[in-house]
């Protein structure tokens, strides 16, 4: 495995381990977030192992995309307070899973990267992160913005989901014009590093707030 991939797995492991060690001090949405990071760690490690052995690893991403959507939807369900939005988030889990399965069977088989379902998932995450920001603006609390764990979750998903759309769009452009994909791969890698660092900050902020409420 490449050194930078090992560093990426190390970051995921550190964030997951921190959440696991502080699980009792986390609220339910952040416990679920910790589990999502743990599942991502296992999936990425499995994907890297298969790739290093010369096997196609796309099946891992097909499975991960559905599990990741369900877990992240539950995180936002716990953070958002609008009863209507919460219901829509919960009701979206099964349809997205069904669409993911249909995509794997009819459109992008398990040997192909499941970009369709990822675009759908991250489009929804983008909307949910904006709704969480809106909620924070409408219901301000007497706490520094950077000490609000919801801020880090919303910011992380807003950044990452936007980057997903940008990267897929740029990939099509780069391939169409036969450009070097290496700069784009670097962008995707460092966006992942930043995203999981932000989620780590969210977990740290949450446990600190519960231990020392202000």
Protein backbone atom coordinates (compact mmCIF):
# COMPACT_ATOMS: atom_id res chain seq x y z
CA UNK A 1 0.00 0.00 0.00
CA UNK A 2 1.15 3.56 -0.73
CA UNK A 3 2.42 5.61 2.19
CA UNK A 4 -0.25 8.24 1.79
CA UNK A 5 -2.99 5.58 1.86
CA UNK A 6 -1.54 4.22 5.11
CA UNK A 7 -1.60 7.78 6.51
CA UNK A 8 -5.24 8.07 5.45
CA UNK A 9 -6.10 4.80 7.21
CA UNK A 10 -4.17 5.98 10.27
CA UNK A 11 -6.26 9.15 10.41
CA UNK A 12 -9.49 7.14 10.15
CA UNK A 13 -8.25 4.80 12.87
CA UNK A 14 -7.32 7.72 15.15
CA UNK A 15 -10.71 9.41 14.74
CA UNK A 16 -12.57 6.13 15.27
CA UNK A 17 -10.46 5.19 18.32
CA UNK A 18 -10.99 8.62 19.88
CA UNK A 19 -14.73 8.30 19.42
CA UNK A 20 -14.70 4.75 20.76
CA UNK A 21 -12.75 5.72 23.88
CA UNK A 22 -15.16 8.58 24.54
CA UNK A 23 -18.33 6.79 23.45
CA UNK A 24 -20.09 7.22 26.79
CA UNK A 25 -19.62 10.99 26.69
CA UNK A 26 -21.04 11.38 23.17
CA UNK A 27 -24.66 12.07 22.32
CA UNK A 28 -26.43 9.53 20.08
CA UNK A 29 -25.81 11.28 16.72
CA UNK A 30 -22.09 11.40 17.44
CA UNK A 31 -22.03 7.78 18.56
CA UNK A 32 -23.51 6.94 15.16
CA UNK A 33 -20.94 9.20 13.48
CA UNK A 34 -18.18 7.26 15.24
CA UNK A 35 -19.64 4.00 13.92
CA UNK A 36 -19.79 5.46 10.38
CA UNK A 37 -16.10 6.35 10.59
CA UNK A 38 -15.33 2.84 11.87
CA UNK A 39 -17.22 1.22 8.98
CA UNK A 40 -15.38 3.50 6.56
CA UNK A 41 -12.05 2.45 8.09
CA UNK A 42 -12.82 -1.27 7.66
CA UNK A 43 -14.14 -0.73 4.12
CA UNK A 44 -11.16 1.35 3.01
CA UNK A 45 -8.72 -1.16 4.52
CA UNK A 46 -10.50 -4.00 2.70
CA UNK A 47 -10.50 -2.01 -0.52
CA UNK A 48 -6.78 -1.27 -0.21
CA UNK A 49 -6.00 -4.92 0.54
CA UNK A 50 -7.93 -6.16 -2.51
CA UNK A 51 -6.32 -3.55 -4.71
CA UNK A 52 -2.83 -4.48 -3.50
CA UNK A 53 -3.54 -8.12 -4.41
CA UNK A 54 -4.66 -7.17 -7.90
CA UNK A 55 -8.38 -7.73 -7.34
CA UNK A 56 -11.19 -5.38 -8.35
CA UNK A 57 -12.28 -3.54 -5.19
CA UNK A 58 -15.34 -1.72 -6.49
CA UNK A 59 -17.78 -4.10 -4.74
CA UNK A 60 -16.60 -2.65 -1.43
CA UNK A 61 -17.70 0.83 -2.49
CA UNK A 62 -21.09 -0.43 -3.67
CA UNK A 63 -21.72 -1.85 -0.20
CA UNK A 64 -20.18 1.11 1.62
CA UNK A 65 -22.26 3.68 -0.28
CA UNK A 66 -25.56 2.26 1.03
CA UNK A 67 -24.33 1.74 4.61
CA UNK A 68 -22.67 5.15 4.70
CA UNK A 69 -25.85 6.86 3.52
CA UNK A 70 -27.98 5.16 6.19
CA UNK A 71 -25.51 6.00 8.95
CA UNK A 72 -25.02 9.61 7.92
CA UNK A 73 -28.78 10.09 7.51
CA UNK A 74 -29.21 8.93 11.11
CA UNK A 75 -26.58 11.46 12.23
CA UNK A 76 -28.48 14.32 10.60
CA UNK A 77 -31.77 12.91 11.89
CA UNK A 78 -30.40 13.28 15.41
CA UNK A 79 -29.03 16.80 14.86
CA UNK A 80 -31.94 18.39 13.00
CA UNK A 81 -34.95 19.41 15.06
CA UNK A 82 -37.63 19.93 12.41
CA UNK A 83 -40.02 16.98 12.75
CA UNK A 84 -40.87 17.14 9.04
CA UNK A 85 -37.21 17.06 7.99
CA UNK A 86 -36.45 14.25 10.43
CA UNK A 87 -39.23 12.14 8.92
CA UNK A 88 -38.03 12.82 5.38
CA UNK A 89 -34.49 11.84 6.35
CA UNK A 90 -35.62 8.53 7.88
CA UNK A 91 -38.00 7.78 5.01
CA UNK A 92 -35.19 8.38 2.50
CA UNK A 93 -32.99 5.53 3.78
CA UNK A 94 -34.85 2.62 2.17
CA UNK A 95 -35.45 4.32 -1.22
CA UNK A 96 -31.77 5.29 -1.47
CA UNK A 97 -30.76 1.72 -0.58
CA UNK A 98 -33.12 0.35 -3.26
CA UNK A 99 -31.75 2.80 -5.82
CA UNK A 100 -28.24 1.76 -4.81
CA UNK A 101 -29.06 -1.91 -5.42
CA UNK A 102 -30.74 -1.11 -8.75
CA UNK A 103 -27.72 0.96 -9.77
CA UNK A 104 -25.41 -1.97 -8.95
CA UNK A 105 -27.54 -4.43 -10.91
CA UNK A 106 -28.61 -2.42 -13.96
CA UNK A 107 -26.32 0.61 -14.41
CA UNK A 108 -22.94 0.37 -12.70
CA UNK A 109 -22.12 -3.24 -11.85
CA UNK A 110 -19.92 -4.23 -8.93
CA UNK A 111 -16.79 -3.89 -11.08
CA UNK A 112 -17.56 -0.21 -11.68
CA UNK A 113 -17.25 2.71 -9.25
CA UNK A 114 -20.81 3.58 -8.02
CA UNK A 115 -20.68 7.28 -8.89
CA UNK A 116 -24.44 7.53 -9.49
CA UNK A 117 -25.45 6.62 -5.95
CA UNK A 118 -22.63 8.69 -4.48
CA UNK A 119 -23.83 11.77 -6.35
CA UNK A 120 -27.36 11.17 -5.06
CA UNK A 121 -26.18 10.60 -1.48
CA UNK A 122 -23.91 13.61 -1.36
CA UNK A 123 -26.54 15.79 -3.00
CA UNK A 124 -28.78 14.96 -0.04
CA UNK A 125 -25.92 15.47 2.45
CA UNK A 126 -25.28 18.88 0.90
CA UNK A 127 -28.90 19.89 1.48
CA UNK A 128 -28.91 18.50 5.03
CA UNK A 129 -25.71 20.34 5.95
CA UNK A 130 -27.24 23.62 4.72
CA UNK A 131 -30.40 22.91 6.75
CA UNK A 132 -28.23 22.31 9.82
CA UNK A 133 -26.48 25.66 9.27
CA UNK A 134 -29.90 27.29 8.87
CA UNK A 135 -31.04 25.75 12.15
CA UNK A 136 -27.93 27.09 13.91
CA UNK A 137 -28.64 30.59 12.60
CA UNK A 138 -32.29 30.46 13.63
CA UNK A 139 -31.60 28.95 17.05
CA UNK A 140 -28.33 30.55 18.23
CA UNK A 141 -26.81 29.41 21.52
CA UNK A 142 -24.45 31.19 23.91
CA UNK A 143 -21.37 29.23 22.87
CA UNK A 144 -18.44 30.03 20.62
CA UNK A 145 -19.19 28.83 17.08
CA UNK A 146 -16.03 26.73 16.97
CA UNK A 147 -17.10 24.94 20.16
CA UNK A 148 -20.35 23.78 18.58
CA UNK A 149 -20.01 20.21 17.31
CA UNK A 150 -22.94 20.73 14.91
CA UNK A 151 -20.93 23.45 13.17
CA UNK A 152 -18.09 21.01 12.42
CA UNK A 153 -20.46 18.30 11.15
CA UNK A 154 -22.32 20.74 8.89
CA UNK A 155 -19.08 22.29 7.66
CA UNK A 156 -17.43 18.94 7.04
CA UNK A 157 -20.27 17.53 4.98
CA UNK A 158 -20.78 20.80 3.12
CA UNK A 159 -17.11 20.79 2.13
CA UNK A 160 -16.90 17.11 1.28
CA UNK A 161 -20.17 16.87 -0.63
CA UNK A 162 -19.27 19.94 -2.68
CA UNK A 163 -15.86 18.38 -3.41
CA UNK A 164 -17.53 15.15 -4.59
CA UNK A 165 -19.54 17.05 -7.21
CA UNK A 166 -16.50 19.09 -8.23
CA UNK A 167 -14.23 16.04 -8.54
CA UNK A 168 -16.67 14.04 -10.67
CA UNK A 169 -17.21 17.03 -12.94
CA UNK A 170 -13.47 17.63 -13.28
CA UNK A 171 -12.80 13.93 -13.92
CA UNK A 172 -15.10 14.02 -16.94
CA UNK A 173 -13.38 17.17 -18.19
CA UNK A 174 -9.87 15.79 -17.62
CA UNK A 175 -10.65 12.50 -19.37
CA UNK A 176 -12.39 14.21 -22.28
CA UNK A 177 -9.36 16.45 -22.84
CA UNK A 178 -6.79 13.72 -22.07
CA UNK A 179 -5.29 15.68 -19.18
CA UNK A 180 -3.13 14.31 -16.37
CA UNK A 181 -5.41 13.08 -13.54
CA UNK A 182 -2.67 13.25 -10.89
CA UNK A 183 -3.52 16.80 -9.64
CA UNK A 184 -7.17 15.77 -9.34
CA UNK A 185 -6.23 12.64 -7.39
CA UNK A 186 -4.20 14.82 -5.01
CA UNK A 187 -7.19 17.12 -4.52
CA UNK A 188 -9.49 14.19 -3.72
CA UNK A 189 -6.96 12.72 -1.28
CA UNK A 190 -6.40 15.93 0.66
CA UNK A 191 -10.13 16.65 0.73
CA UNK A 192 -10.64 13.26 2.38
CA UNK A 193 -7.91 14.04 4.90
CA UNK A 194 -9.50 17.40 5.70
CA UNK A 195 -12.99 15.91 5.93
CA UNK A 196 -12.08 13.22 8.46
CA UNK A 197 -9.97 15.69 10.41
CA UNK A 198 -13.07 17.89 10.70
CA UNK A 199 -15.15 14.92 11.84
CA UNK A 200 -12.50 14.22 14.46
CA UNK A 201 -12.80 17.81 15.66
CA UNK A 202 -16.59 17.37 15.79
CA UNK A 203 -16.23 14.30 18.03
CA UNK A 204 -13.70 16.09 20.25
CA UNK A 205 -15.90 19.18 20.52
CA UNK A 206 -18.96 17.12 21.39
CA UNK A 207 -17.31 15.18 24.21
CA UNK A 208 -15.71 18.38 25.54
CA UNK A 209 -19.10 20.16 25.61
CA UNK A 210 -20.75 17.27 27.47
CA UNK A 211 -17.89 17.05 29.97
CA UNK A 212 -17.76 20.82 30.48
CA UNK A 213 -21.12 22.29 29.41
CA UNK A 214 -21.19 26.07 29.05
